[in-house]
PDB file of N, CA and C in Angstrom:
ATOM      1  N   MET A   1      92.347  51.508 140.574  1.00  0.00           N
ATOM      2  CA  MET A   1      92.099  52.072 141.878  1.00  0.00           C
ATOM      3  C   MET A   1      93.270  51.700 142.794  1.00  0.00           C
ATOM      4  N   PRO A   2      93.839  52.651 143.517  1.00  0.00           N
ATOM      5  CA  PRO A   2      94.989  52.342 144.370  1.00  0.00           C
ATOM      6  C   PRO A   2      94.576  51.514 145.592  1.00  0.00           C
ATOM      7  N   PRO A   3      95.484  50.674 146.078  1.00  0.00           N
ATOM      8  CA  PRO A   3      95.172  49.879 147.269  1.00  0.00           C
ATOM      9  C   PRO A   3      95.109  50.752 148.526  1.00  0.00           C
ATOM     10  N   LEU A   4      94.384  50.258 149.513  1.00  0.00           N
ATOM     11  CA  LEU A   4      94.360  50.934 150.813  1.00  0.00           C
ATOM     12  C   LEU A   4      95.732  50.798 151.452  1.00  0.00           C
ATOM     13  N   LYS A   5      96.151  51.822 152.175  1.00  0.00           N
ATOM     14  CA  LYS A   5      97.447  51.794 152.862  1.00  0.00           C
ATOM     15  C   LYS A   5      97.335  52.530 154.182  1.00  0.00           C
ATOM     16  N   GLY A   6      98.342  52.342 155.009  1.00  0.00           N
ATOM     17  CA  GLY A   6      98.462  53.103 156.248  1.00  0.00           C
ATOM     18  C   GLY A   6      97.222  53.059 157.118  1.00  0.00           C
ATOM     19  N   LYS A   7      96.779  54.234 157.555  1.00  0.00           N
ATOM     20  CA  LYS A   7      95.650  54.352 158.472  1.00  0.00           C
ATOM     21  C   LYS A   7      94.368  53.787 157.864  1.00  0.00           C
ATOM     22  N   ASP A   8      94.138  54.023 156.562  1.00  0.00           N
ATOM     23  CA  ASP A   8      92.927  53.505 155.919  1.00  0.00           C
ATOM     24  C   ASP A   8      92.883  51.981 155.982  1.00  0.00           C
ATOM     25  N   LEU A   9      94.002  51.341 155.698  1.00  0.00           N
ATOM     26  CA  LEU A   9      94.072  49.881 155.759  1.00  0.00           C
ATOM     27  C   LEU A   9      93.919  49.400 157.198  1.00  0.00           C
ATOM     28  N   ALA A  10      94.560  50.069 158.135  1.00  0.00           N
ATOM     29  CA  ALA A  10      94.448  49.685 159.552  1.00  0.00           C
ATOM     30  C   ALA A  10      93.004  49.810 160.041  1.00  0.00           C
ATOM     31  N   ASP A  11      92.302  50.849 159.610  1.00  0.00           N
ATOM     32  CA  ASP A  11      90.900  51.036 160.003  1.00  0.00           C
ATOM     33  C   ASP A  11      90.031  49.889 159.492  1.00  0.00           C
ATOM     34  N   VAL A  12      90.212  49.493 158.239  1.00  0.00           N
ATOM     35  CA  VAL A  12      89.430  48.389 157.680  1.00  0.00           C
ATOM     36  C   VAL A  12      89.813  47.084 158.374  1.00  0.00           C
ATOM     37  N   HIS A  13      91.084  46.887 158.637  1.00  0.00           N
ATOM     38  CA  HIS A  13      91.557  45.672 159.301  1.00  0.00           C
ATOM     39  C   HIS A  13      90.878  45.499 160.659  1.00  0.00           C
ATOM     40  N   ARG A  14      90.749  46.572 161.413  1.00  0.00           N
ATOM     41  CA  ARG A  14      90.102  46.509 162.733  1.00  0.00           C
ATOM     42  C   ARG A  14      88.628  46.143 162.637  1.00  0.00           C
ATOM     43  N   GLN A  15      87.982  46.411 161.515  1.00  0.00           N
ATOM     44  CA  GLN A  15      86.561  46.126 161.339  1.00  0.00           C
ATOM     45  C   GLN A  15      86.276  44.663 160.996  1.00  0.00           C
ATOM     46  N   LEU A  16      87.314  43.904 160.646  1.00  0.00           N
ATOM     47  CA  LEU A  16      87.119  42.503 160.287  1.00  0.00           C
ATOM     48  C   LEU A  16      86.737  41.678 161.511  1.00  0.00           C
ATOM     49  N   ALA A  17      85.939  40.644 161.291  1.00  0.00           N
ATOM     50  CA  ALA A  17      85.695  39.675 162.362  1.00  0.00           C
ATOM     51  C   ALA A  17      87.038  38.999 162.655  1.00  0.00           C
ATOM     52  N   GLU A  18      87.421  38.961 163.898  1.00  0.00           N
ATOM     53  CA  GLU A  18      88.688  38.368 164.323  1.00  0.00           C
ATOM     54  C   GLU A  18      89.892  38.943 163.561  1.00  0.00           C
ATOM     55  N   PRO A  19      90.118  40.253 163.659  1.00  0.00           N
ATOM     56  CA  PRO A  19      91.213  40.865 162.894  1.00  0.00           C
ATOM     57  C   PRO A  19      92.592  40.282 163.199  1.00  0.00           C
ATOM     58  N   ALA A  20      92.778  39.740 164.399  1.00  0.00           N
ATOM     59  CA  ALA A  20      94.087  39.189 164.743  1.00  0.00           C
ATOM     60  C   ALA A  20      94.442  37.981 163.871  1.00  0.00           C
ATOM     61  N   HIS A  21      93.450  37.350 163.246  1.00  0.00           N
ATOM     62  CA  HIS A  21      93.703  36.178 162.398  1.00  0.00           C
ATOM     63  C   HIS A  21      94.070  36.557 160.963  1.00  0.00           C
ATOM     64  N   TRP A  22      93.878  37.827 160.609  1.00  0.00           N
ATOM     65  CA  TRP A  22      94.206  38.306 159.264  1.00  0.00           C
ATOM     66  C   TRP A  22      95.549  39.022 159.307  1.00  0.00           C
ATOM     67  N   ASN A  23      96.428  38.702 158.376  1.00  0.00           N
ATOM     68  CA  ASN A  23      97.745  39.336 158.299  1.00  0.00           C
ATOM     69  C   ASN A  23      97.776  40.317 157.128  1.00  0.00           C
ATOM     70  N   ILE A  24      98.223  41.527 157.400  1.00  0.00           N
ATOM     71  CA  ILE A  24      98.413  42.512 156.339  1.00  0.00           C
ATOM     72  C   ILE A  24      99.769  42.237 155.701  1.00  0.00           C
ATOM     73  N   VAL A  25      99.787  42.129 154.377  1.00  0.00           N
ATOM     74  CA  VAL A  25     101.012  41.809 153.644  1.00  0.00           C
ATOM     75  C   VAL A  25     101.334  42.953 152.684  1.00  0.00           C
ATOM     76  N   GLU A  26     102.521  43.517 152.846  1.00  0.00           N
ATOM     77  CA  GLU A  26     103.048  44.551 151.964  1.00  0.00           C
ATOM     78  C   GLU A  26     102.081  45.705 151.735  1.00  0.00           C
ATOM     79  N   GLN A  27     101.252  45.996 152.717  1.00  0.00           N
ATOM     80  CA  GLN A  27     100.336  47.130 152.668  1.00  0.00           C
ATOM     81  C   GLN A  27      99.363  47.108 151.491  1.00  0.00           C
ATOM     82  N   HIS A  28      99.106  45.910 150.901  1.00  0.00           N
ATOM     83  CA  HIS A  28      98.118  45.905 149.824  1.00  0.00           C
ATOM     84  C   HIS A  28      97.250  44.666 149.758  1.00  0.00           C
ATOM     85  N   HIS A  29      97.489  43.676 150.595  1.00  0.00           N
ATOM     86  CA  HIS A  29      96.553  42.565 150.660  1.00  0.00           C
ATOM     87  C   HIS A  29      96.589  41.950 152.057  1.00  0.00           C
ATOM     88  N   ILE A  30      95.510  41.217 152.368  1.00  0.00           N
ATOM     89  CA  ILE A  30      95.438  40.547 153.659  1.00  0.00           C
ATOM     90  C   ILE A  30      95.252  39.057 153.411  1.00  0.00           C
ATOM     91  N   VAL A  31      95.771  38.269 154.348  1.00  0.00           N
ATOM     92  CA  VAL A  31      95.769  36.818 154.207  1.00  0.00           C
ATOM     93  C   VAL A  31      95.330  36.184 155.519  1.00  0.00           C
ATOM     94  N   ARG A  32      94.546  35.127 155.385  1.00  0.00           N
ATOM     95  CA  ARG A  32      94.160  34.349 156.557  1.00  0.00           C
ATOM     96  C   ARG A  32      94.192  32.873 156.197  1.00  0.00           C
ATOM     97  N   SER A  33      94.712  32.063 157.122  1.00  0.00           N
ATOM     98  CA  SER A  33      94.745  30.608 156.947  1.00  0.00           C
ATOM     99  C   SER A  33      93.728  29.960 157.869  1.00  0.00           C
ATOM    100  N   TYR A  34      93.119  28.906 157.370  1.00  0.00           N
ATOM    101  CA  TYR A  34      92.132  28.130 158.132  1.00  0.00           C
ATOM    102  C   TYR A  34      92.583  26.674 158.124  1.00  0.00           C
ATOM    103  N   LYS A  35      92.351  25.969 159.234  1.00  0.00           N
ATOM    104  CA  LYS A  35      92.703  24.553 159.324  1.00  0.00           C
ATOM    105  C   LYS A  35      91.435  23.722 159.457  1.00  0.00           C
ATOM    106  N   PHE A  36      91.460  22.533 158.852  1.00  0.00           N
ATOM    107  CA  PHE A  36      90.330  21.621 158.856  1.00  0.00           C
ATOM    108  C   PHE A  36      90.833  20.207 159.115  1.00  0.00           C
ATOM    109  N   PRO A  37      89.949  19.320 159.565  1.00  0.00           N
ATOM    110  CA  PRO A  37      90.393  17.964 159.881  1.00  0.00           C
ATOM    111  C   PRO A  37      90.678  17.099 158.650  1.00  0.00           C
ATOM    112  N   ASP A  38      90.222  17.536 157.463  1.00  0.00           N
ATOM    113  CA  ASP A  38      90.409  16.732 156.256  1.00  0.00           C
ATOM    114  C   ASP A  38      90.173  17.590 155.009  1.00  0.00           C
ATOM    115  N   PHE A  39      90.404  16.983 153.864  1.00  0.00           N
ATOM    116  CA  PHE A  39      90.244  17.703 152.602  1.00  0.00           C
ATOM    117  C   PHE A  39      88.781  18.028 152.325  1.00  0.00           C
ATOM    118  N   LYS A  40      87.895  17.091 152.619  1.00  0.00           N
ATOM    119  CA  LYS A  40      86.470  17.281 152.338  1.00  0.00           C
ATOM    120  C   LYS A  40      85.918  18.510 153.068  1.00  0.00           C
ATOM    121  N   SER A  41      86.285  18.702 154.318  1.00  0.00           N
ATOM    122  CA  SER A  41      85.833  19.874 155.090  1.00  0.00           C
ATOM    123  C   SER A  41      86.412  21.167 154.521  1.00  0.00           C
ATOM    124  N   ALA A  42      87.673  21.126 154.141  1.00  0.00           N
ATOM    125  CA  ALA A  42      88.308  22.310 153.560  1.00  0.00           C
ATOM    126  C   ALA A  42      87.634  22.674 152.236  1.00  0.00           C
ATOM    127  N   LEU A  43      87.330  21.674 151.428  1.00  0.00           N
ATOM    128  CA  LEU A  43      86.663  21.915 150.149  1.00  0.00           C
ATOM    129  C   LEU A  43      85.262  22.487 150.350  1.00  0.00           C
ATOM    130  N   ALA A  44      84.525  21.988 151.330  1.00  0.00           N
ATOM    131  CA  ALA A  44      83.187  22.523 151.619  1.00  0.00           C
ATOM    132  C   ALA A  44      83.280  23.999 152.008  1.00  0.00           C
ATOM    133  N   PHE A  45      84.285  24.356 152.806  1.00  0.00           N
ATOM    134  CA  PHE A  45      84.497  25.749 153.193  1.00  0.00           C
ATOM    135  C   PHE A  45      84.789  26.608 151.961  1.00  0.00           C
ATOM    136  N   VAL A  46      85.660  26.123 151.084  1.00  0.00           N
ATOM    137  CA  VAL A  46      85.996  26.857 149.856  1.00  0.00           C
ATOM    138  C   VAL A  46      84.741  27.074 149.016  1.00  0.00           C
ATOM    139  N   ASN A  47      83.899  26.071 148.920  1.00  0.00           N
ATOM    140  CA  ASN A  47      82.664  26.217 148.148  1.00  0.00           C
ATOM    141  C   ASN A  47      81.747  27.274 148.756  1.00  0.00           C
ATOM    142  N   ARG A  48      81.679  27.341 150.085  1.00  0.00           N
ATOM    143  CA  ARG A  48      80.866  28.377 150.745  1.00  0.00           C
ATOM    144  C   ARG A  48      81.465  29.762 150.511  1.00  0.00           C
ATOM    145  N   VAL A  49      82.774  29.878 150.638  1.00  0.00           N
ATOM    146  CA  VAL A  49      83.447  31.159 150.383  1.00  0.00           C
ATOM    147  C   VAL A  49      83.230  31.574 148.928  1.00  0.00           C
ATOM    148  N   GLY A  50      83.348  30.623 148.015  1.00  0.00           N
ATOM    149  CA  GLY A  50      83.162  30.923 146.607  1.00  0.00           C
ATOM    150  C   GLY A  50      81.758  31.428 146.301  1.00  0.00           C
ATOM    151  N   ALA A  51      80.752  30.811 146.902  1.00  0.00           N
ATOM    152  CA  ALA A  51      79.370  31.250 146.691  1.00  0.00           C
ATOM    153  C   ALA A  51      79.164  32.668 147.226  1.00  0.00           C
ATOM    154  N   LEU A  52      79.700  32.937 148.407  1.00  0.00           N
ATOM    155  CA  LEU A  52      79.590  34.273 148.995  1.00  0.00           C
ATOM    156  C   LEU A  52      80.339  35.305 148.149  1.00  0.00           C
ATOM    157  N   ALA A  53      81.521  34.941 147.679  1.00  0.00           N
ATOM    158  CA  ALA A  53      82.310  35.849 146.845  1.00  0.00           C
ATOM    159  C   ALA A  53      81.551  36.187 145.568  1.00  0.00           C
ATOM    160  N   GLU A  54      80.932  35.200 144.975  1.00  0.00           N
ATOM    161  CA  GLU A  54      80.172  35.436 143.748  1.00  0.00           C
ATOM    162  C   GLU A  54      78.985  36.356 144.015  1.00  0.00           C
ATOM    163  N   GLU A  55      78.306  36.137 145.147  1.00  0.00           N
ATOM    164  CA  GLU A  55      77.183  36.992 145.554  1.00  0.00           C
ATOM    165  C   GLU A  55      77.617  38.446 145.702  1.00  0.00           C
ATOM    166  N   GLN A  56      78.765  38.640 146.333  1.00  0.00           N
ATOM    167  CA  GLN A  56      79.258  39.985 146.644  1.00  0.00           C
ATOM    168  C   GLN A  56      80.010  40.639 145.483  1.00  0.00           C
ATOM    169  N   GLY A  57      80.406  39.846 144.508  1.00  0.00           N
ATOM    170  CA  GLY A  57      81.176  40.387 143.395  1.00  0.00           C
ATOM    171  C   GLY A  57      82.612  40.712 143.760  1.00  0.00           C
ATOM    172  N   HIS A  58      83.126  40.112 144.828  1.00  0.00           N
ATOM    173  CA  HIS A  58      84.513  40.287 145.278  1.00  0.00           C
ATOM    174  C   HIS A  58      85.131  38.905 145.349  1.00  0.00           C
ATOM    175  N   HIS A  59      86.160  38.674 144.575  1.00  0.00           N
ATOM    176  CA  HIS A  59      86.691  37.325 144.426  1.00  0.00           C
ATOM    177  C   HIS A  59      88.116  37.219 144.980  1.00  0.00           C
ATOM    178  N   PRO A  60      88.271  36.552 146.127  1.00  0.00           N
ATOM    179  CA  PRO A  60      89.602  36.393 146.714  1.00  0.00           C
ATOM    180  C   PRO A  60      90.394  35.319 145.983  1.00  0.00           C
ATOM    181  N   ASP A  61      91.686  35.324 146.221  1.00  0.00           N
ATOM    182  CA  ASP A  61      92.515  34.191 145.823  1.00  0.00           C
ATOM    183  C   ASP A  61      92.339  33.141 146.908  1.00  0.00           C
ATOM    184  N   ILE A  62      92.136  31.897 146.502  1.00  0.00           N
ATOM    185  CA  ILE A  62      91.908  30.813 147.461  1.00  0.00           C
ATOM    186  C   ILE A  62      92.899  29.696 147.163  1.00  0.00           C
ATOM    187  N   LEU A  63      93.644  29.299 148.195  1.00  0.00           N
ATOM    188  CA  LEU A  63      94.573  28.178 148.098  1.00  0.00           C
ATOM    189  C   LEU A  63      94.001  27.042 148.935  1.00  0.00           C
ATOM    190  N   LEU A  64      93.740  25.910 148.302  1.00  0.00           N
ATOM    191  CA  LEU A  64      93.147  24.750 148.971  1.00  0.00           C
ATOM    192  C   LEU A  64      94.156  23.626 149.029  1.00  0.00           C
ATOM    193  N   GLY A  65      94.314  23.050 150.202  1.00  0.00           N
ATOM    194  CA  GLY A  65      95.168  21.885 150.377  1.00  0.00           C
ATOM    195  C   GLY A  65      94.508  20.935 151.360  1.00  0.00           C
ATOM    196  N   TRP A  66      95.127  19.802 151.616  1.00  0.00           N
ATOM    197  CA  TRP A  66      94.557  18.842 152.545  1.00  0.00           C
ATOM    198  C   TRP A  66      94.514  19.478 153.935  1.00  0.00           C
ATOM    199  N   GLY A  67      93.299  19.719 154.436  1.00  0.00           N
ATOM    200  CA  GLY A  67      93.122  20.251 155.782  1.00  0.00           C
ATOM    201  C   GLY A  67      93.464  21.717 155.958  1.00  0.00           C
ATOM    202  N   LYS A  68      93.605  22.442 154.851  1.00  0.00           N
ATOM    203  CA  LYS A  68      93.938  23.859 155.008  1.00  0.00           C
ATOM    204  C   LYS A  68      93.397  24.669 153.831  1.00  0.00           C
ATOM    205  N   VAL A  69      93.085  25.924 154.141  1.00  0.00           N
ATOM    206  CA  VAL A  69      92.643  26.883 153.135  1.00  0.00           C
ATOM    207  C   VAL A  69      93.296  28.212 153.469  1.00  0.00           C
ATOM    208  N   GLU A  70      93.781  28.887 152.455  1.00  0.00           N
ATOM    209  CA  GLU A  70      94.327  30.231 152.633  1.00  0.00           C
ATOM    210  C   GLU A  70      93.536  31.181 151.744  1.00  0.00           C
ATOM    211  N   ILE A  71      93.043  32.261 152.330  1.00  0.00           N
ATOM    212  CA  ILE A  71      92.273  33.274 151.623  1.00  0.00           C
ATOM    213  C   ILE A  71      93.110  34.539 151.535  1.00  0.00           C
ATOM    214  N   THR A  72      93.235  35.098 150.343  1.00  0.00           N
ATOM    215  CA  THR A  72      93.940  36.360 150.138  1.00  0.00           C
ATOM    216  C   THR A  72      92.963  37.355 149.526  1.00  0.00           C
ATOM    217  N   LEU A  73      92.838  38.496 150.175  1.00  0.00           N
ATOM    218  CA  LEU A  73      91.990  39.580 149.684  1.00  0.00           C
ATOM    219  C   LEU A  73      92.881  40.771 149.364  1.00  0.00           C
ATOM    220  N   TRP A  74      92.690  41.327 148.176  1.00  0.00           N
ATOM    221  CA  TRP A  74      93.430  42.505 147.757  1.00  0.00           C
ATOM    222  C   TRP A  74      92.647  43.726 148.199  1.00  0.00           C
ATOM    223  N   THR A  75      93.304  44.671 148.830  1.00  0.00           N
ATOM    224  CA  THR A  75      92.610  45.797 149.465  1.00  0.00           C
ATOM    225  C   THR A  75      91.905  46.711 148.494  1.00  0.00           C
ATOM    226  N   THR A  76      92.254  46.678 147.215  1.00  0.00           N
ATOM    227  CA  THR A  76      91.540  47.503 146.247  1.00  0.00           C
ATOM    228  C   THR A  76      90.107  47.039 146.106  1.00  0.00           C
ATOM    229  N   LEU A  77      89.820  45.793 146.445  1.00  0.00           N
ATOM    230  CA  LEU A  77      88.469  45.260 146.348  1.00  0.00           C
ATOM    231  C   LEU A  77      87.523  45.980 147.302  1.00  0.00           C
ATOM    232  N   TRP A  78      88.032  46.407 148.451  1.00  0.00           N
ATOM    233  CA  TRP A  78      87.176  47.048 149.444  1.00  0.00           C
ATOM    234  C   TRP A  78      86.687  48.397 148.973  1.00  0.00           C
ATOM    235  N   MET A  79      87.378  48.978 148.017  1.00  0.00           N
ATOM    236  CA  MET A  79      87.006  50.311 147.581  1.00  0.00           C
ATOM    237  C   MET A  79      86.143  50.276 146.318  1.00  0.00           C
ATOM    238  N   ALA A  80      85.950  49.088 145.752  1.00  0.00           N
ATOM    239  CA  ALA A  80      85.181  48.952 144.502  1.00  0.00           C
ATOM    240  C   ALA A  80      83.693  49.164 144.761  1.00  0.00           C
TER     241      ALA A  80
END
């Protein structure tokens, strides 16, 4: 399935909660970074995101580090 691009991607981007925090990258995926006071809080967030992703059947790329999490969603997932 082809990724969303142009107006279609912009329309979906506007529908996100806090769209200004999500960055569109190369017209085929979006990325958002989150900051936390420590690793334990960041890990708890990742576990919540993971549970939700499993429920929805849409699995983002997740980068976990001390006090930070980066979520990457590929736009083809929105059309599945």
